[in-house]
C-alpha cells in the first residue's frame, strides 16, 4: 500500500497511515477550522478519505492530550457532554511554521479518498463479489472433480491475462 497506510476493511488494521507528528498536524489543522471533540475528528478524517481511513480512538485521544499539554489546543466550552478543543495562538503559529507539510498531508488524505472512491465500489467490486460467490459454490462443492477445477483455473488465468493487457 502506498504511504504505509492503514485501510479499513482489510481484515484488521495494518500500519498507520500517518506518523505521530503528522497526525498531530492534521488534528491541529482540523481544530483550527472549528472547535472539535475526538469523535468528530475521527469522523472528519474518515469523511475526507471517503471512508478509506479512520484513526482509532486509542491514537486520537492521546494525541489530543499531547497537543493540550503542548499548549497548542485548549478545552473549549461547549453545550454538549463531549470535551471540545479549540486552537491556541501557539497552535496557530505552529501550523503556520509547518504550512507546507500540513498542505502535503491533506493532499495525501484527499488522494487516498479519491483512490478509495475509484477502487471500492462500482462495477468492478460487484463483479468481484459475483466471482467470489460463484467460485465458492463451484470449487468447494463435495462433488467437484479435478477436470472441473482445471477448467475453472484456466478461465481465471485467461481473465487475469486479459486484464493485464488492458
N, C-alpha and C. Protein backbone atom coordinates (compact mmCIF):
# COMPACT_ATOMS: atom_id res chain seq x y z
N UNK A 1 0.84 -1.19 0.00
CA UNK A 1 0.00 0.00 0.00
C UNK A 1 0.88 1.24 0.00
N UNK A 2 0.49 2.22 -0.74
CA UNK A 2 1.24 3.46 -0.80
C UNK A 2 1.16 4.18 0.53
N UNK A 3 2.16 4.92 0.84
CA UNK A 3 2.26 5.76 2.03
C UNK A 3 2.28 4.96 3.32
N UNK A 4 2.46 3.66 3.30
CA UNK A 4 2.42 2.86 4.52
C UNK A 4 1.11 3.04 5.24
N UNK A 5 0.02 3.03 4.53
CA UNK A 5 -1.26 3.40 5.12
C UNK A 5 -2.06 2.21 5.62
N UNK A 6 -2.90 2.53 6.50
CA UNK A 6 -3.83 1.58 7.08
C UNK A 6 -5.16 1.83 6.41
N UNK A 7 -5.78 0.79 5.92
CA UNK A 7 -7.08 0.96 5.29
C UNK A 7 -8.11 0.12 6.01
N UNK A 8 -9.30 0.60 6.00
CA UNK A 8 -10.40 -0.13 6.61
C UNK A 8 -10.82 -1.27 5.70
N UNK A 9 -11.41 -2.29 6.30
CA UNK A 9 -11.98 -3.35 5.51
C UNK A 9 -10.97 -4.34 4.98
N UNK A 10 -9.83 -4.43 5.58
CA UNK A 10 -8.81 -5.38 5.12
C UNK A 10 -8.61 -6.48 6.15
N UNK A 11 -9.60 -6.75 6.96
CA UNK A 11 -9.48 -7.83 7.92
C UNK A 11 -8.53 -7.49 9.05
N UNK A 12 -8.59 -6.29 9.53
CA UNK A 12 -7.72 -5.87 10.62
C UNK A 12 -6.91 -4.67 10.20
N UNK A 13 -6.29 -4.09 11.16
CA UNK A 13 -5.53 -2.87 10.89
C UNK A 13 -4.07 -3.21 10.61
N UNK A 14 -3.48 -2.44 9.74
CA UNK A 14 -2.08 -2.60 9.41
C UNK A 14 -1.29 -1.45 10.00
N UNK A 15 -0.32 -0.98 9.26
CA UNK A 15 0.47 0.15 9.73
C UNK A 15 -0.37 1.41 9.70
N UNK A 16 0.04 2.37 10.48
CA UNK A 16 -0.68 3.64 10.48
C UNK A 16 -0.42 4.40 9.20
N UNK A 17 -1.41 5.14 8.79
CA UNK A 17 -1.26 5.96 7.60
C UNK A 17 -0.37 7.16 7.88
N UNK A 18 -0.50 7.72 9.07
CA UNK A 18 0.26 8.90 9.45
C UNK A 18 1.09 8.61 10.68
N UNK A 19 2.30 9.14 10.69
CA UNK A 19 3.13 9.07 11.88
C UNK A 19 2.57 10.00 12.94
N UNK A 20 3.07 9.90 14.15
CA UNK A 20 2.57 10.71 15.25
C UNK A 20 2.64 12.21 15.00
N UNK A 21 3.78 12.69 14.48
CA UNK A 21 3.91 14.12 14.19
C UNK A 21 2.93 14.55 13.11
N UNK A 22 2.72 13.68 12.13
CA UNK A 22 1.80 14.01 11.04
C UNK A 22 0.37 14.07 11.54
N UNK A 23 -0.03 13.10 12.37
CA UNK A 23 -1.39 13.10 12.90
C UNK A 23 -1.62 14.33 13.78
N UNK A 24 -0.62 14.72 14.55
CA UNK A 24 -0.75 15.94 15.38
C UNK A 24 -1.06 17.14 14.51
N UNK A 25 -0.36 17.26 13.38
CA UNK A 25 -0.60 18.40 12.49
C UNK A 25 -1.99 18.34 11.87
N UNK A 26 -2.43 17.16 11.48
CA UNK A 26 -3.76 17.02 10.89
C UNK A 26 -4.84 17.40 11.90
N UNK A 27 -4.73 16.86 13.11
CA UNK A 27 -5.72 17.17 14.14
C UNK A 27 -5.71 18.66 14.45
N UNK A 28 -4.53 19.23 14.55
CA UNK A 28 -4.42 20.66 14.85
C UNK A 28 -5.08 21.50 13.76
N UNK A 29 -4.85 21.13 12.50
CA UNK A 29 -5.46 21.87 11.39
C UNK A 29 -6.99 21.75 11.42
N UNK A 30 -7.49 20.56 11.70
CA UNK A 30 -8.95 20.38 11.77
C UNK A 30 -9.54 21.18 12.94
N UNK A 31 -8.82 21.24 14.03
CA UNK A 31 -9.29 22.02 15.18
C UNK A 31 -9.22 23.51 14.87
N UNK A 32 -8.25 23.91 14.05
CA UNK A 32 -8.19 25.32 13.64
C UNK A 32 -9.44 25.69 12.85
N UNK A 33 -9.92 24.77 12.01
CA UNK A 33 -11.11 25.03 11.20
C UNK A 33 -12.34 25.27 12.07
N UNK A 34 -12.45 24.50 13.16
CA UNK A 34 -13.59 24.63 14.08
C UNK A 34 -13.27 23.83 15.34
N UNK A 35 -13.73 24.30 16.50
CA UNK A 35 -13.53 23.50 17.72
C UNK A 35 -14.16 22.12 17.52
N UNK A 36 -13.45 21.10 17.98
CA UNK A 36 -13.92 19.73 17.77
C UNK A 36 -13.58 18.85 18.96
N UNK A 37 -14.31 17.76 19.05
CA UNK A 37 -14.01 16.72 20.04
C UNK A 37 -13.41 15.53 19.30
N UNK A 38 -12.90 14.56 20.04
CA UNK A 38 -12.18 13.44 19.45
C UNK A 38 -12.96 12.66 18.42
N UNK A 39 -14.20 12.30 18.75
CA UNK A 39 -15.00 11.52 17.82
C UNK A 39 -15.25 12.30 16.53
N UNK A 40 -15.49 13.59 16.65
CA UNK A 40 -15.70 14.44 15.48
C UNK A 40 -14.46 14.45 14.60
N UNK A 41 -13.28 14.48 15.20
CA UNK A 41 -12.03 14.46 14.43
C UNK A 41 -11.88 13.14 13.67
N UNK A 42 -12.20 12.05 14.34
CA UNK A 42 -12.12 10.73 13.69
C UNK A 42 -13.06 10.69 12.48
N UNK A 43 -14.31 11.13 12.67
CA UNK A 43 -15.30 11.12 11.58
C UNK A 43 -14.88 12.06 10.45
N UNK A 44 -14.29 13.20 10.78
CA UNK A 44 -13.88 14.16 9.75
C UNK A 44 -12.75 13.58 8.89
N UNK A 45 -11.79 12.92 9.52
CA UNK A 45 -10.71 12.29 8.76
C UNK A 45 -11.28 11.17 7.89
N UNK A 46 -12.20 10.41 8.44
CA UNK A 46 -12.83 9.34 7.67
C UNK A 46 -13.58 9.92 6.47
N UNK A 47 -14.28 11.02 6.68
CA UNK A 47 -15.03 11.65 5.59
C UNK A 47 -14.09 12.18 4.51
N UNK A 48 -12.99 12.79 4.92
CA UNK A 48 -12.05 13.36 3.94
C UNK A 48 -11.30 12.28 3.16
N UNK A 49 -11.30 11.07 3.68
CA UNK A 49 -10.66 9.96 2.96
C UNK A 49 -11.70 9.07 2.28
N UNK A 50 -12.94 9.55 2.18
CA UNK A 50 -14.04 8.78 1.58
C UNK A 50 -14.19 7.41 2.23
N UNK A 51 -13.97 7.34 3.54
CA UNK A 51 -14.15 6.10 4.27
C UNK A 51 -12.96 5.16 4.24
N UNK A 52 -11.86 5.57 3.62
CA UNK A 52 -10.70 4.69 3.50
C UNK A 52 -9.90 4.60 4.79
N UNK A 53 -9.94 5.63 5.61
CA UNK A 53 -9.09 5.65 6.80
C UNK A 53 -9.80 6.39 7.93
N UNK A 54 -9.72 5.81 9.10
CA UNK A 54 -10.21 6.47 10.31
C UNK A 54 -9.25 6.10 11.43
N UNK A 55 -8.56 7.08 11.99
CA UNK A 55 -7.64 6.76 13.09
C UNK A 55 -8.43 6.23 14.28
N UNK A 56 -7.81 5.38 15.05
CA UNK A 56 -8.50 4.79 16.19
C UNK A 56 -8.55 5.78 17.35
N UNK A 57 -9.56 5.65 18.21
CA UNK A 57 -9.63 6.49 19.40
C UNK A 57 -8.36 6.34 20.26
N UNK A 58 -7.76 5.16 20.24
CA UNK A 58 -6.55 4.91 21.01
C UNK A 58 -5.35 5.70 20.53
N UNK A 59 -5.44 6.27 19.34
CA UNK A 59 -4.39 7.13 18.81
C UNK A 59 -4.81 8.59 18.93
N UNK A 60 -6.07 8.88 18.64
CA UNK A 60 -6.54 10.27 18.62
C UNK A 60 -6.54 10.90 20.01
N UNK A 61 -7.12 10.22 20.99
CA UNK A 61 -7.26 10.84 22.30
C UNK A 61 -5.92 11.13 22.99
N UNK A 62 -4.95 10.22 22.94
CA UNK A 62 -3.64 10.58 23.49
C UNK A 62 -2.97 11.73 22.73
N UNK A 63 -3.21 11.80 21.43
CA UNK A 63 -2.64 12.90 20.65
C UNK A 63 -3.28 14.22 21.05
N UNK A 64 -4.58 14.22 21.31
CA UNK A 64 -5.24 15.44 21.80
C UNK A 64 -4.67 15.86 23.16
N UNK A 65 -4.43 14.89 24.02
CA UNK A 65 -3.83 15.19 25.33
C UNK A 65 -2.45 15.82 25.14
N UNK A 66 -1.68 15.27 24.21
CA UNK A 66 -0.34 15.81 23.95
C UNK A 66 -0.43 17.23 23.40
N UNK A 67 -1.33 17.47 22.45
CA UNK A 67 -1.50 18.82 21.90
C UNK A 67 -1.91 19.80 23.00
N UNK A 68 -2.75 19.35 23.92
CA UNK A 68 -3.17 20.18 25.05
C UNK A 68 -1.98 20.46 25.97
N UNK A 69 -1.19 19.42 26.26
CA UNK A 69 -0.01 19.59 27.11
C UNK A 69 1.01 20.54 26.48
N UNK A 70 1.06 20.56 25.15
CA UNK A 70 1.98 21.44 24.43
C UNK A 70 1.42 22.85 24.28
N UNK A 71 0.22 23.09 24.83
CA UNK A 71 -0.48 24.37 24.74
C UNK A 71 -0.78 24.79 23.30
N UNK A 72 -0.96 23.79 22.42
CA UNK A 72 -1.34 24.08 21.03
C UNK A 72 -2.85 24.10 20.86
N UNK A 73 -3.55 23.43 21.78
CA UNK A 73 -5.01 23.47 21.83
C UNK A 73 -5.42 23.64 23.29
N UNK A 74 -6.66 24.04 23.49
CA UNK A 74 -7.20 24.18 24.85
C UNK A 74 -8.66 23.77 24.82
N UNK A 75 -9.13 23.30 25.97
CA UNK A 75 -10.52 22.91 26.05
C UNK A 75 -11.41 24.11 25.75
N UNK A 76 -12.42 23.85 24.95
CA UNK A 76 -13.36 24.88 24.50
C UNK A 76 -14.70 24.60 25.17
N UNK A 77 -15.26 25.57 25.78
CA UNK A 77 -16.56 25.39 26.45
C UNK A 77 -17.63 25.12 25.40
N UNK A 78 -18.38 24.06 25.63
CA UNK A 78 -19.46 23.71 24.70
C UNK A 78 -20.66 23.25 25.50
N UNK A 79 -21.79 23.19 24.84
CA UNK A 79 -23.03 22.78 25.49
C UNK A 79 -23.10 21.27 25.71
N UNK A 80 -22.43 20.53 24.86
CA UNK A 80 -22.51 19.07 24.93
C UNK A 80 -21.64 18.48 26.04
N UNK A 81 -21.79 17.17 26.23
CA UNK A 81 -21.03 16.47 27.25
C UNK A 81 -19.61 16.17 26.80
N UNK A 82 -19.38 16.18 25.50
CA UNK A 82 -18.06 15.84 24.98
C UNK A 82 -17.12 17.04 25.08
N UNK A 83 -15.87 16.74 25.44
CA UNK A 83 -14.86 17.79 25.58
C UNK A 83 -14.39 18.23 24.20
N UNK A 84 -14.63 19.49 23.89
CA UNK A 84 -14.18 20.05 22.62
C UNK A 84 -12.90 20.84 22.84
N UNK A 85 -12.10 20.90 21.77
CA UNK A 85 -10.86 21.65 21.83
C UNK A 85 -10.87 22.73 20.76
N UNK A 86 -10.22 23.83 21.08
CA UNK A 86 -10.01 24.93 20.13
C UNK A 86 -8.51 25.18 20.04
N UNK A 87 -8.09 25.77 18.94
CA UNK A 87 -6.67 26.04 18.75
C UNK A 87 -6.26 27.27 19.56
N UNK A 88 -5.03 27.28 20.02
CA UNK A 88 -4.48 28.43 20.74
C UNK A 88 -3.63 29.25 19.77
N UNK A 89 -3.16 30.41 20.24
CA UNK A 89 -2.26 31.22 19.41
C UNK A 89 -1.00 30.44 19.08
N UNK A 90 -0.48 29.70 20.05
CA UNK A 90 0.72 28.89 19.81
C UNK A 90 0.42 27.81 18.77
N UNK A 91 -0.77 27.26 18.81
CA UNK A 91 -1.16 26.26 17.82
C UNK A 91 -1.23 26.84 16.42
N UNK A 92 -1.79 28.04 16.32
CA UNK A 92 -1.87 28.71 15.01
C UNK A 92 -0.47 29.01 14.48
N UNK A 93 0.42 29.43 15.35
CA UNK A 93 1.80 29.72 14.95
C UNK A 93 2.49 28.43 14.50
N UNK A 94 2.25 27.34 15.22
CA UNK A 94 2.85 26.05 14.86
C UNK A 94 2.36 25.60 13.48
N UNK A 95 1.08 25.78 13.21
CA UNK A 95 0.55 25.43 11.88
C UNK A 95 1.18 26.30 10.80
N UNK A 96 1.34 27.58 11.07
CA UNK A 96 1.94 28.49 10.09
C UNK A 96 3.37 28.07 9.79
N UNK A 97 4.11 27.66 10.81
CA UNK A 97 5.50 27.21 10.62
C UNK A 97 5.58 25.94 9.79
N UNK A 98 4.53 25.14 9.84
CA UNK A 98 4.52 23.84 9.16
C UNK A 98 3.50 23.80 8.03
N UNK A 99 3.19 24.94 7.45
CA UNK A 99 2.13 25.05 6.45
C UNK A 99 2.35 24.12 5.25
N UNK A 100 3.57 24.02 4.76
CA UNK A 100 3.82 23.17 3.60
C UNK A 100 3.57 21.71 3.93
N UNK A 101 4.02 21.27 5.10
CA UNK A 101 3.80 19.87 5.49
C UNK A 101 2.32 19.60 5.69
N UNK A 102 1.60 20.54 6.30
CA UNK A 102 0.16 20.37 6.51
C UNK A 102 -0.56 20.24 5.17
N UNK A 103 -0.20 21.08 4.23
CA UNK A 103 -0.83 21.01 2.90
C UNK A 103 -0.56 19.65 2.24
N UNK A 104 0.67 19.17 2.37
CA UNK A 104 1.02 17.87 1.79
C UNK A 104 0.25 16.74 2.47
N UNK A 105 0.06 16.82 3.77
CA UNK A 105 -0.68 15.78 4.50
C UNK A 105 -2.15 15.75 4.06
N UNK A 106 -2.75 16.91 3.90
CA UNK A 106 -4.15 16.95 3.47
C UNK A 106 -4.29 16.54 2.00
N UNK A 107 -3.27 16.81 1.21
CA UNK A 107 -3.29 16.32 -0.17
C UNK A 107 -3.21 14.80 -0.19
N UNK A 108 -2.39 14.24 0.67
CA UNK A 108 -2.27 12.79 0.79
C UNK A 108 -3.60 12.17 1.21
N UNK A 109 -4.26 12.80 2.15
CA UNK A 109 -5.55 12.32 2.62
C UNK A 109 -6.59 12.38 1.49
N UNK A 110 -6.58 13.46 0.73
CA UNK A 110 -7.51 13.59 -0.40
C UNK A 110 -7.21 12.56 -1.48
N UNK A 111 -5.92 12.34 -1.76
CA UNK A 111 -5.53 11.32 -2.76
C UNK A 111 -6.01 9.94 -2.34
N UNK A 112 -5.86 9.63 -1.07
CA UNK A 112 -6.33 8.35 -0.55
C UNK A 112 -7.84 8.23 -0.77
N UNK A 113 -8.57 9.30 -0.48
CA UNK A 113 -10.01 9.30 -0.66
C UNK A 113 -10.42 9.11 -2.11
N UNK A 114 -9.71 9.79 -3.02
CA UNK A 114 -10.02 9.64 -4.44
C UNK A 114 -9.74 8.22 -4.92
N UNK A 115 -8.62 7.67 -4.51
CA UNK A 115 -8.28 6.30 -4.90
C UNK A 115 -9.29 5.31 -4.33
N UNK A 116 -9.68 5.53 -3.09
CA UNK A 116 -10.65 4.64 -2.45
C UNK A 116 -11.99 4.70 -3.19
N UNK A 117 -12.41 5.90 -3.58
CA UNK A 117 -13.68 6.06 -4.29
C UNK A 117 -13.64 5.34 -5.64
N UNK A 118 -12.48 5.38 -6.30
CA UNK A 118 -12.35 4.72 -7.61
C UNK A 118 -12.33 3.21 -7.49
N UNK A 119 -11.74 2.68 -6.43
CA UNK A 119 -11.48 1.24 -6.37
C UNK A 119 -12.39 0.46 -5.44
N UNK A 120 -13.20 1.13 -4.63
CA UNK A 120 -14.01 0.41 -3.66
C UNK A 120 -15.50 0.58 -3.91
N UNK A 121 -15.90 0.31 -5.09
CA UNK A 121 -17.32 0.40 -5.40
C UNK A 121 -17.51 0.19 -6.88
N UNK A 122 -18.70 0.32 -7.27
CA UNK A 122 -19.00 0.27 -8.68
C UNK A 122 -18.95 -1.13 -9.28
N UNK A 123 -18.83 -1.16 -10.59
CA UNK A 123 -18.98 -2.43 -11.31
C UNK A 123 -17.88 -3.44 -11.03
N UNK A 124 -16.66 -3.01 -10.80
CA UNK A 124 -15.59 -3.98 -10.54
C UNK A 124 -15.81 -4.67 -9.20
N UNK A 125 -16.18 -3.92 -8.19
CA UNK A 125 -16.44 -4.50 -6.87
C UNK A 125 -17.59 -5.51 -6.96
N UNK A 126 -18.65 -5.14 -7.69
CA UNK A 126 -19.79 -6.04 -7.86
C UNK A 126 -19.36 -7.32 -8.56
N UNK A 127 -18.57 -7.17 -9.63
CA UNK A 127 -18.12 -8.34 -10.38
C UNK A 127 -17.22 -9.24 -9.53
N UNK A 128 -16.36 -8.64 -8.72
CA UNK A 128 -15.51 -9.43 -7.85
C UNK A 128 -16.34 -10.22 -6.83
N UNK A 129 -17.37 -9.59 -6.32
CA UNK A 129 -18.26 -10.27 -5.37
C UNK A 129 -18.97 -11.44 -6.06
N UNK A 130 -19.47 -11.19 -7.28
CA UNK A 130 -20.14 -12.27 -8.02
C UNK A 130 -19.19 -13.43 -8.27
N UNK A 131 -17.96 -13.12 -8.66
CA UNK A 131 -16.97 -14.17 -8.92
C UNK A 131 -16.69 -14.98 -7.65
N UNK A 132 -16.53 -14.30 -6.55
CA UNK A 132 -16.28 -14.98 -5.27
C UNK A 132 -17.43 -15.93 -4.92
N UNK A 133 -18.65 -15.47 -5.13
CA UNK A 133 -19.82 -16.28 -4.82
C UNK A 133 -19.88 -17.52 -5.69
N UNK A 134 -19.67 -17.33 -6.99
CA UNK A 134 -19.72 -18.46 -7.93
C UNK A 134 -18.59 -19.44 -7.65
N UNK A 135 -17.41 -18.93 -7.38
CA UNK A 135 -16.28 -19.81 -7.08
C UNK A 135 -16.53 -20.63 -5.83
N UNK A 136 -17.05 -19.99 -4.80
CA UNK A 136 -17.32 -20.72 -3.56
C UNK A 136 -18.31 -21.85 -3.81
N UNK A 137 -19.32 -21.58 -4.62
CA UNK A 137 -20.32 -22.61 -4.91
C UNK A 137 -19.76 -23.72 -5.80
N UNK A 138 -18.86 -23.37 -6.71
CA UNK A 138 -18.34 -24.34 -7.68
C UNK A 138 -17.14 -25.13 -7.17
N UNK A 139 -16.21 -24.46 -6.56
CA UNK A 139 -14.94 -25.09 -6.17
C UNK A 139 -15.08 -25.92 -4.89
N UNK A 140 -15.89 -25.46 -3.98
CA UNK A 140 -15.98 -26.14 -2.69
C UNK A 140 -17.13 -27.15 -2.62
N UNK A 141 -17.67 -27.47 -3.78
CA UNK A 141 -18.71 -28.49 -3.88
C UNK A 141 -18.06 -29.85 -3.61
N UNK A 142 -18.71 -30.68 -2.81
CA UNK A 142 -18.16 -32.01 -2.49
C UNK A 142 -18.00 -32.88 -3.74
N UNK A 143 -18.75 -32.61 -4.76
CA UNK A 143 -18.75 -33.43 -5.97
C UNK A 143 -17.75 -32.93 -7.03
N UNK A 144 -17.02 -31.85 -6.78
CA UNK A 144 -16.13 -31.27 -7.79
C UNK A 144 -14.99 -32.25 -8.11
N UNK A 145 -14.68 -32.34 -9.41
CA UNK A 145 -13.59 -33.24 -9.81
C UNK A 145 -12.41 -32.41 -10.33
N UNK A 146 -11.28 -33.07 -10.53
CA UNK A 146 -10.05 -32.40 -10.95
C UNK A 146 -10.22 -31.71 -12.29
N UNK A 147 -10.95 -32.32 -13.23
CA UNK A 147 -11.15 -31.72 -14.55
C UNK A 147 -11.87 -30.38 -14.43
N UNK A 148 -12.89 -30.34 -13.61
CA UNK A 148 -13.63 -29.08 -13.43
C UNK A 148 -12.74 -28.02 -12.77
N UNK A 149 -11.94 -28.41 -11.78
CA UNK A 149 -11.03 -27.46 -11.13
C UNK A 149 -10.03 -26.89 -12.13
N UNK A 150 -9.50 -27.72 -13.01
CA UNK A 150 -8.56 -27.24 -14.03
C UNK A 150 -9.25 -26.30 -15.01
N UNK A 151 -10.49 -26.58 -15.37
CA UNK A 151 -11.24 -25.70 -16.28
C UNK A 151 -11.49 -24.34 -15.63
N UNK A 152 -11.84 -24.35 -14.36
CA UNK A 152 -12.06 -23.09 -13.63
C UNK A 152 -10.76 -22.30 -13.56
N UNK A 153 -9.66 -22.98 -13.22
CA UNK A 153 -8.36 -22.31 -13.14
C UNK A 153 -7.97 -21.70 -14.49
N UNK A 154 -8.24 -22.37 -15.59
CA UNK A 154 -7.92 -21.86 -16.92
C UNK A 154 -8.73 -20.60 -17.23
N UNK A 155 -10.01 -20.60 -16.87
CA UNK A 155 -10.86 -19.42 -17.07
C UNK A 155 -10.31 -18.23 -16.27
N UNK A 156 -9.95 -18.48 -15.02
CA UNK A 156 -9.41 -17.42 -14.17
C UNK A 156 -8.08 -16.90 -14.71
N UNK A 157 -7.21 -17.82 -15.14
CA UNK A 157 -5.93 -17.41 -15.72
C UNK A 157 -6.13 -16.57 -16.97
N UNK A 158 -7.08 -16.97 -17.82
CA UNK A 158 -7.35 -16.22 -19.04
C UNK A 158 -7.87 -14.83 -18.71
N UNK A 159 -8.77 -14.74 -17.74
CA UNK A 159 -9.29 -13.43 -17.32
C UNK A 159 -8.14 -12.55 -16.79
N UNK A 160 -7.25 -13.12 -16.01
CA UNK A 160 -6.11 -12.36 -15.48
C UNK A 160 -5.23 -11.84 -16.62
N UNK A 161 -4.98 -12.66 -17.61
CA UNK A 161 -4.16 -12.24 -18.75
C UNK A 161 -4.84 -11.09 -19.51
N UNK A 162 -6.13 -11.19 -19.72
CA UNK A 162 -6.86 -10.14 -20.43
C UNK A 162 -6.83 -8.83 -19.66
N UNK A 163 -7.01 -8.89 -18.34
CA UNK A 163 -6.97 -7.68 -17.52
C UNK A 163 -5.58 -7.07 -17.55
N UNK A 164 -4.56 -7.91 -17.51
CA UNK A 164 -3.19 -7.44 -17.54
C UNK A 164 -2.88 -6.67 -18.83
N UNK A 165 -3.48 -7.11 -19.94
CA UNK A 165 -3.24 -6.48 -21.24
C UNK A 165 -4.01 -5.17 -21.43
N UNK A 166 -4.95 -4.88 -20.57
CA UNK A 166 -5.75 -3.63 -20.73
C UNK A 166 -4.88 -2.40 -20.62
